[in-house]
């Protein structure tokens, strides 16, 4: 990325979302047989573990939160807390601002000490603000 005379080299890694709950019974309820459901739950759990392991090898993280959901969850608090403990640079994206249920203020209330960028990945609204934040926080 370039901004004026500044250049920032980024390698982006898009990890799977970190689930708040992985339960094979939820898969069974969707019609998947028990053995396949257990395997899917195991794979999903491994995906969460792999995502967390990536945190050790990065310099900065963009945490994308759904602004239509309550941000005050154990997983979000733990994730941000781990990033801070590991001295990682951090931006929080409040995604889905194009939706009526969007409530960016809730995210500000839960994470008042962090850079929060409202945006919509669907419409592109706020992307320029994300680029600005990346230079402010990561350069």
N, C-alpha and C. Protein backbone atom coordinates (compact mmCIF):
# COMPACT_ATOMS: atom_id res chain seq x y z
N UNK A 1 0.84 -1.18 0.00
CA UNK A 1 0.00 0.00 0.00
C UNK A 1 0.89 1.24 0.00
N UNK A 2 0.42 2.27 -0.67
CA UNK A 2 1.15 3.53 -0.69
C UNK A 2 0.22 4.67 -0.30
N UNK A 3 0.80 5.60 0.43
CA UNK A 3 0.09 6.82 0.78
C UNK A 3 1.12 7.94 0.75
N UNK A 4 1.05 8.75 -0.28
CA UNK A 4 2.07 9.78 -0.45
C UNK A 4 3.42 9.12 -0.63
N UNK A 5 4.38 9.50 0.19
CA UNK A 5 5.72 8.90 0.11
C UNK A 5 5.86 7.66 0.98
N UNK A 6 4.81 7.34 1.72
CA UNK A 6 4.85 6.17 2.61
C UNK A 6 4.46 4.91 1.86
N UNK A 7 5.17 3.84 2.16
CA UNK A 7 4.85 2.54 1.57
C UNK A 7 4.78 1.53 2.70
N UNK A 8 3.75 0.73 2.67
CA UNK A 8 3.54 -0.29 3.70
C UNK A 8 3.33 -1.62 3.00
N UNK A 9 4.22 -2.58 3.27
CA UNK A 9 4.08 -3.92 2.70
C UNK A 9 3.25 -4.77 3.65
N UNK A 10 2.21 -5.38 3.12
CA UNK A 10 1.31 -6.21 3.92
C UNK A 10 1.18 -7.59 3.30
N UNK A 11 1.12 -8.58 4.15
CA UNK A 11 0.71 -9.91 3.74
C UNK A 11 -0.57 -10.18 4.52
N UNK A 12 -1.67 -10.34 3.82
CA UNK A 12 -2.95 -10.55 4.47
C UNK A 12 -3.23 -12.04 4.59
N UNK A 13 -3.67 -12.43 5.76
CA UNK A 13 -4.05 -13.81 6.03
C UNK A 13 -5.48 -13.78 6.52
N UNK A 14 -6.37 -14.37 5.76
CA UNK A 14 -7.78 -14.41 6.14
C UNK A 14 -8.05 -15.74 6.82
N UNK A 15 -8.16 -15.71 8.13
CA UNK A 15 -8.41 -16.95 8.87
C UNK A 15 -9.91 -17.16 9.01
N UNK A 16 -10.31 -18.39 9.29
CA UNK A 16 -11.72 -18.63 9.57
C UNK A 16 -12.14 -17.85 10.81
N UNK A 17 -13.39 -17.52 10.88
CA UNK A 17 -13.89 -16.86 12.08
C UNK A 17 -13.67 -17.74 13.30
N UNK A 18 -13.49 -17.11 14.42
CA UNK A 18 -13.29 -17.88 15.66
C UNK A 18 -14.66 -18.05 16.29
N UNK A 19 -15.15 -19.26 16.27
CA UNK A 19 -16.50 -19.58 16.72
C UNK A 19 -16.64 -19.46 18.23
N UNK A 20 -17.81 -19.04 18.66
CA UNK A 20 -18.09 -18.99 20.09
C UNK A 20 -18.55 -20.35 20.60
N UNK A 21 -19.04 -21.19 19.69
CA UNK A 21 -19.54 -22.50 20.11
C UNK A 21 -19.43 -23.46 18.93
N UNK A 22 -18.85 -24.62 19.20
CA UNK A 22 -18.80 -25.68 18.19
C UNK A 22 -19.39 -26.92 18.84
N UNK A 23 -20.54 -27.36 18.34
CA UNK A 23 -21.25 -28.46 18.97
C UNK A 23 -21.72 -29.42 17.88
N UNK A 24 -21.24 -30.67 17.96
CA UNK A 24 -21.62 -31.63 16.92
C UNK A 24 -23.12 -31.84 16.88
N UNK A 25 -23.81 -31.64 18.00
CA UNK A 25 -25.26 -31.82 18.03
C UNK A 25 -25.97 -30.81 17.11
N UNK A 26 -25.37 -29.63 16.97
CA UNK A 26 -25.94 -28.65 16.03
C UNK A 26 -25.88 -29.18 14.60
N UNK A 27 -24.79 -29.89 14.26
CA UNK A 27 -24.68 -30.49 12.94
C UNK A 27 -25.71 -31.60 12.77
N UNK A 28 -25.91 -32.40 13.81
CA UNK A 28 -26.89 -33.49 13.75
C UNK A 28 -28.29 -32.92 13.52
N UNK A 29 -28.60 -31.81 14.21
CA UNK A 29 -29.91 -31.17 14.04
C UNK A 29 -30.13 -30.72 12.60
N UNK A 30 -29.04 -30.46 11.88
CA UNK A 30 -29.15 -30.04 10.48
C UNK A 30 -29.19 -31.23 9.53
N UNK A 31 -29.27 -32.47 10.09
CA UNK A 31 -29.43 -33.65 9.26
C UNK A 31 -28.16 -34.40 8.93
N UNK A 32 -27.06 -34.04 9.54
CA UNK A 32 -25.79 -34.73 9.30
C UNK A 32 -25.70 -35.90 10.27
N UNK A 33 -25.25 -37.09 9.78
CA UNK A 33 -25.17 -38.24 10.68
C UNK A 33 -24.13 -37.98 11.77
N UNK A 34 -24.25 -38.73 12.87
CA UNK A 34 -23.44 -38.44 14.06
C UNK A 34 -21.94 -38.52 13.80
N UNK A 35 -21.49 -39.52 13.06
CA UNK A 35 -20.05 -39.64 12.80
C UNK A 35 -19.52 -38.46 11.98
N UNK A 36 -20.26 -38.10 10.93
CA UNK A 36 -19.85 -36.94 10.12
C UNK A 36 -19.93 -35.65 10.94
N UNK A 37 -20.94 -35.55 11.79
CA UNK A 37 -21.09 -34.36 12.63
C UNK A 37 -19.92 -34.22 13.60
N UNK A 38 -19.50 -35.34 14.20
CA UNK A 38 -18.35 -35.30 15.11
C UNK A 38 -17.09 -34.89 14.36
N UNK A 39 -16.93 -35.40 13.13
CA UNK A 39 -15.75 -35.04 12.33
C UNK A 39 -15.77 -33.55 11.96
N UNK A 40 -16.94 -33.04 11.59
CA UNK A 40 -17.04 -31.61 11.26
C UNK A 40 -16.74 -30.75 12.48
N UNK A 41 -17.24 -31.16 13.64
CA UNK A 41 -16.96 -30.41 14.87
C UNK A 41 -15.47 -30.43 15.19
N UNK A 42 -14.84 -31.59 14.97
CA UNK A 42 -13.39 -31.70 15.21
C UNK A 42 -12.63 -30.78 14.26
N UNK A 43 -13.02 -30.79 12.99
CA UNK A 43 -12.37 -29.93 12.00
C UNK A 43 -12.57 -28.45 12.33
N UNK A 44 -13.77 -28.10 12.76
CA UNK A 44 -14.04 -26.70 13.12
C UNK A 44 -13.21 -26.28 14.32
N UNK A 45 -13.09 -27.18 15.30
CA UNK A 45 -12.26 -26.89 16.47
C UNK A 45 -10.81 -26.70 16.06
N UNK A 46 -10.32 -27.55 15.16
CA UNK A 46 -8.94 -27.42 14.68
C UNK A 46 -8.75 -26.10 13.95
N UNK A 47 -9.76 -25.67 13.21
CA UNK A 47 -9.68 -24.38 12.53
C UNK A 47 -9.53 -23.22 13.50
N UNK A 48 -10.25 -23.27 14.61
CA UNK A 48 -10.13 -22.25 15.64
C UNK A 48 -8.72 -22.26 16.23
N UNK A 49 -8.21 -23.45 16.53
CA UNK A 49 -6.86 -23.58 17.08
C UNK A 49 -5.84 -23.02 16.10
N UNK A 50 -5.97 -23.36 14.82
CA UNK A 50 -5.04 -22.86 13.80
C UNK A 50 -5.10 -21.34 13.70
N UNK A 51 -6.30 -20.77 13.78
CA UNK A 51 -6.44 -19.32 13.72
C UNK A 51 -5.71 -18.65 14.88
N UNK A 52 -5.86 -19.21 16.06
CA UNK A 52 -5.20 -18.65 17.24
C UNK A 52 -3.69 -18.77 17.13
N UNK A 53 -3.20 -19.88 16.59
CA UNK A 53 -1.75 -20.06 16.41
C UNK A 53 -1.17 -19.00 15.49
N UNK A 54 -1.92 -18.58 14.47
CA UNK A 54 -1.44 -17.57 13.54
C UNK A 54 -1.10 -16.27 14.26
N UNK A 55 -1.76 -16.01 15.37
CA UNK A 55 -1.53 -14.76 16.09
C UNK A 55 -0.08 -14.59 16.51
N UNK A 56 0.63 -15.69 16.75
CA UNK A 56 2.03 -15.61 17.16
C UNK A 56 2.94 -15.15 16.03
N UNK A 57 2.53 -15.34 14.79
CA UNK A 57 3.44 -15.07 13.66
C UNK A 57 3.12 -13.78 12.90
N UNK A 58 2.24 -12.96 13.43
CA UNK A 58 1.88 -11.73 12.73
C UNK A 58 2.29 -10.50 13.55
N UNK A 59 2.41 -9.38 12.87
CA UNK A 59 2.76 -8.12 13.53
C UNK A 59 1.54 -7.30 13.91
N UNK A 60 0.46 -7.47 13.14
CA UNK A 60 -0.73 -6.67 13.35
C UNK A 60 -1.96 -7.47 12.92
N UNK A 61 -3.10 -7.09 13.48
CA UNK A 61 -4.33 -7.84 13.20
C UNK A 61 -5.48 -6.86 12.96
N UNK A 62 -6.28 -7.17 11.96
CA UNK A 62 -7.55 -6.48 11.74
C UNK A 62 -8.64 -7.46 12.19
N UNK A 63 -9.30 -7.13 13.28
CA UNK A 63 -10.37 -7.97 13.81
C UNK A 63 -11.68 -7.45 13.22
N UNK A 64 -12.39 -8.32 12.52
CA UNK A 64 -13.65 -7.93 11.89
C UNK A 64 -14.80 -8.43 12.75
N UNK A 65 -15.60 -7.49 13.26
CA UNK A 65 -16.76 -7.83 14.07
C UNK A 65 -18.03 -7.47 13.30
N UNK A 66 -19.06 -8.25 13.51
CA UNK A 66 -20.37 -8.02 12.92
C UNK A 66 -21.08 -6.96 13.77
N UNK A 67 -21.30 -5.79 13.21
CA UNK A 67 -21.89 -4.69 13.98
C UNK A 67 -23.37 -4.89 14.27
N UNK A 68 -23.97 -5.96 13.75
CA UNK A 68 -25.37 -6.25 14.07
C UNK A 68 -25.48 -7.19 15.27
N UNK A 69 -24.34 -7.70 15.73
CA UNK A 69 -24.32 -8.64 16.86
C UNK A 69 -23.72 -7.97 18.09
N UNK A 70 -24.01 -8.53 19.25
CA UNK A 70 -23.44 -8.03 20.50
C UNK A 70 -21.94 -8.32 20.51
N UNK A 71 -21.08 -7.30 20.59
CA UNK A 71 -19.64 -7.54 20.56
C UNK A 71 -19.09 -8.06 21.89
N UNK A 72 -19.90 -7.96 22.93
CA UNK A 72 -19.41 -8.36 24.26
C UNK A 72 -19.58 -9.86 24.44
N UNK A 73 -18.66 -10.60 23.82
CA UNK A 73 -18.67 -12.06 23.94
C UNK A 73 -17.33 -12.50 24.49
N UNK A 74 -17.33 -13.66 25.09
CA UNK A 74 -16.10 -14.20 25.67
C UNK A 74 -15.02 -14.32 24.59
N UNK A 75 -15.41 -14.76 23.42
CA UNK A 75 -14.44 -14.96 22.35
C UNK A 75 -13.82 -13.62 21.92
N UNK A 76 -14.63 -12.57 21.76
CA UNK A 76 -14.09 -11.27 21.35
C UNK A 76 -13.18 -10.67 22.42
N UNK A 77 -13.61 -10.74 23.67
CA UNK A 77 -12.81 -10.21 24.77
C UNK A 77 -11.49 -10.97 24.87
N UNK A 78 -11.55 -12.30 24.74
CA UNK A 78 -10.34 -13.13 24.82
C UNK A 78 -9.41 -12.84 23.66
N UNK A 79 -9.95 -12.73 22.46
CA UNK A 79 -9.13 -12.47 21.27
C UNK A 79 -8.40 -11.14 21.41
N UNK A 80 -9.13 -10.08 21.71
CA UNK A 80 -8.51 -8.76 21.83
C UNK A 80 -7.52 -8.75 22.99
N UNK A 81 -7.88 -9.38 24.10
CA UNK A 81 -6.97 -9.46 25.24
C UNK A 81 -5.67 -10.17 24.89
N UNK A 82 -5.76 -11.26 24.13
CA UNK A 82 -4.56 -11.98 23.70
C UNK A 82 -3.70 -11.13 22.77
N UNK A 83 -4.32 -10.40 21.88
CA UNK A 83 -3.56 -9.53 20.98
C UNK A 83 -2.81 -8.46 21.76
N UNK A 84 -3.47 -7.88 22.73
CA UNK A 84 -2.83 -6.86 23.55
C UNK A 84 -1.69 -7.47 24.36
N UNK A 85 -1.93 -8.64 24.95
CA UNK A 85 -0.89 -9.32 25.74
C UNK A 85 0.33 -9.67 24.89
N UNK A 86 0.10 -9.93 23.61
CA UNK A 86 1.20 -10.28 22.70
C UNK A 86 1.79 -9.04 22.02
N UNK A 87 1.34 -7.86 22.44
CA UNK A 87 1.81 -6.58 21.88
C UNK A 87 1.61 -6.48 20.37
N UNK A 88 0.47 -6.96 19.91
CA UNK A 88 0.15 -6.88 18.48
C UNK A 88 -0.60 -5.58 18.20
N UNK A 89 -0.29 -4.96 17.08
CA UNK A 89 -1.05 -3.79 16.65
C UNK A 89 -2.43 -4.27 16.22
N UNK A 90 -3.44 -3.42 16.43
CA UNK A 90 -4.81 -3.90 16.29
C UNK A 90 -5.72 -2.81 15.75
N UNK A 91 -6.55 -3.20 14.80
CA UNK A 91 -7.67 -2.38 14.33
C UNK A 91 -8.91 -3.26 14.42
N UNK A 92 -10.00 -2.69 14.89
CA UNK A 92 -11.27 -3.42 14.92
C UNK A 92 -12.17 -2.83 13.84
N UNK A 93 -12.64 -3.68 12.94
CA UNK A 93 -13.58 -3.27 11.91
C UNK A 93 -14.98 -3.62 12.38
N UNK A 94 -15.86 -2.62 12.37
CA UNK A 94 -17.28 -2.84 12.65
C UNK A 94 -17.96 -3.02 11.30
N UNK A 95 -18.11 -4.26 10.89
CA UNK A 95 -18.63 -4.58 9.56
C UNK A 95 -20.16 -4.59 9.56
N UNK A 96 -20.72 -4.56 8.38
CA UNK A 96 -22.17 -4.64 8.13
C UNK A 96 -22.91 -3.36 8.51
N UNK A 97 -22.25 -2.20 8.34
CA UNK A 97 -22.92 -0.95 8.68
C UNK A 97 -24.05 -0.63 7.71
N UNK A 98 -24.16 -1.39 6.63
CA UNK A 98 -25.25 -1.21 5.67
C UNK A 98 -26.56 -1.81 6.16
N UNK A 99 -26.52 -2.53 7.27
CA UNK A 99 -27.73 -3.20 7.77
C UNK A 99 -28.41 -2.36 8.85
N UNK A 100 -29.74 -2.42 8.90
CA UNK A 100 -30.51 -1.63 9.86
C UNK A 100 -30.14 -1.93 11.31
N UNK A 101 -29.81 -3.19 11.61
CA UNK A 101 -29.49 -3.58 12.99
C UNK A 101 -28.08 -3.18 13.41
N UNK A 102 -27.32 -2.57 12.51
CA UNK A 102 -25.94 -2.20 12.83
C UNK A 102 -25.91 -1.24 14.02
N UNK A 103 -24.98 -1.50 14.93
CA UNK A 103 -24.82 -0.64 16.11
C UNK A 103 -23.33 -0.53 16.42
N UNK A 104 -22.67 0.38 15.75
CA UNK A 104 -21.23 0.57 15.92
C UNK A 104 -20.92 1.07 17.32
N UNK A 105 -21.83 1.85 17.89
CA UNK A 105 -21.60 2.41 19.23
C UNK A 105 -21.38 1.31 20.27
N UNK A 106 -22.09 0.18 20.12
CA UNK A 106 -21.88 -0.95 21.05
C UNK A 106 -20.44 -1.42 21.02
N UNK A 107 -19.86 -1.47 19.83
CA UNK A 107 -18.47 -1.90 19.71
C UNK A 107 -17.55 -0.88 20.37
N UNK A 108 -17.84 0.41 20.19
CA UNK A 108 -17.05 1.45 20.86
C UNK A 108 -17.15 1.32 22.38
N UNK A 109 -18.32 0.98 22.88
CA UNK A 109 -18.50 0.83 24.33
C UNK A 109 -17.72 -0.35 24.88
N UNK A 110 -17.66 -1.44 24.14
CA UNK A 110 -16.95 -2.63 24.60
C UNK A 110 -15.44 -2.48 24.44
N UNK A 111 -15.01 -1.82 23.38
CA UNK A 111 -13.57 -1.67 23.08
C UNK A 111 -13.21 -0.19 22.93
N UNK A 112 -13.34 0.61 23.99
CA UNK A 112 -13.13 2.06 23.86
C UNK A 112 -11.68 2.47 23.60
N UNK A 113 -10.74 1.60 23.87
CA UNK A 113 -9.32 1.95 23.75
C UNK A 113 -8.71 1.60 22.40
N UNK A 114 -9.50 1.16 21.45
CA UNK A 114 -8.96 0.67 20.19
C UNK A 114 -9.54 1.43 19.01
N UNK A 115 -8.77 1.44 17.93
CA UNK A 115 -9.23 2.07 16.69
C UNK A 115 -10.34 1.21 16.11
N UNK A 116 -11.51 1.82 15.91
CA UNK A 116 -12.65 1.10 15.35
C UNK A 116 -13.05 1.77 14.05
N UNK A 117 -13.14 0.97 13.00
CA UNK A 117 -13.46 1.49 11.67
C UNK A 117 -14.80 0.90 11.22
N UNK A 118 -15.85 1.73 11.15
CA UNK A 118 -17.13 1.25 10.62
C UNK A 118 -17.03 1.08 9.11
N UNK A 119 -17.54 -0.03 8.61
CA UNK A 119 -17.51 -0.25 7.16
C UNK A 119 -18.49 -1.35 6.75
N UNK A 120 -18.70 -1.43 5.47
CA UNK A 120 -19.52 -2.49 4.89
C UNK A 120 -18.70 -3.20 3.82
N UNK A 121 -18.37 -4.44 4.07
CA UNK A 121 -17.66 -5.23 3.06
C UNK A 121 -18.56 -5.44 1.84
N UNK A 122 -19.86 -5.42 2.06
CA UNK A 122 -20.81 -5.65 0.96
C UNK A 122 -20.87 -4.46 0.01
N UNK A 123 -20.98 -3.24 0.55
CA UNK A 123 -21.15 -2.06 -0.30
C UNK A 123 -19.85 -1.31 -0.55
N UNK A 124 -18.84 -1.57 0.27
CA UNK A 124 -17.57 -0.86 0.13
C UNK A 124 -17.49 0.41 0.96
N UNK A 125 -18.62 0.81 1.56
CA UNK A 125 -18.61 2.01 2.39
C UNK A 125 -17.61 1.86 3.54
N UNK A 126 -16.76 2.85 3.71
CA UNK A 126 -15.80 2.84 4.81
C UNK A 126 -14.44 2.26 4.47
N UNK A 127 -14.26 1.71 3.27
CA UNK A 127 -12.97 1.11 2.93
C UNK A 127 -11.84 2.13 2.97
N UNK A 128 -12.10 3.35 2.49
CA UNK A 128 -11.06 4.39 2.53
C UNK A 128 -10.65 4.66 3.97
N UNK A 129 -11.60 4.64 4.88
CA UNK A 129 -11.28 4.84 6.30
C UNK A 129 -10.43 3.70 6.83
N UNK A 130 -10.67 2.49 6.34
CA UNK A 130 -9.84 1.36 6.76
C UNK A 130 -8.41 1.55 6.26
N UNK A 131 -8.24 1.97 5.02
CA UNK A 131 -6.90 2.21 4.49
C UNK A 131 -6.17 3.27 5.31
N UNK A 132 -6.88 4.34 5.66
CA UNK A 132 -6.29 5.39 6.50
C UNK A 132 -5.88 4.82 7.86
N UNK A 133 -6.75 4.02 8.45
CA UNK A 133 -6.46 3.44 9.76
C UNK A 133 -5.26 2.50 9.70
N UNK A 134 -5.14 1.76 8.63
CA UNK A 134 -3.99 0.85 8.48
C UNK A 134 -2.69 1.66 8.52
N UNK A 135 -2.65 2.78 7.81
CA UNK A 135 -1.44 3.60 7.84
C UNK A 135 -1.23 4.24 9.21
N UNK A 136 -2.30 4.71 9.83
CA UNK A 136 -2.17 5.33 11.16
C UNK A 136 -1.67 4.34 12.21
N UNK A 137 -2.23 3.15 12.20
CA UNK A 137 -1.96 2.19 13.27
C UNK A 137 -0.79 1.26 12.99
N UNK A 138 -0.54 0.93 11.71
CA UNK A 138 0.44 -0.10 11.38
C UNK A 138 1.74 0.44 10.79
N UNK A 139 1.76 1.72 10.36
CA UNK A 139 2.97 2.23 9.72
C UNK A 139 4.03 2.57 10.76
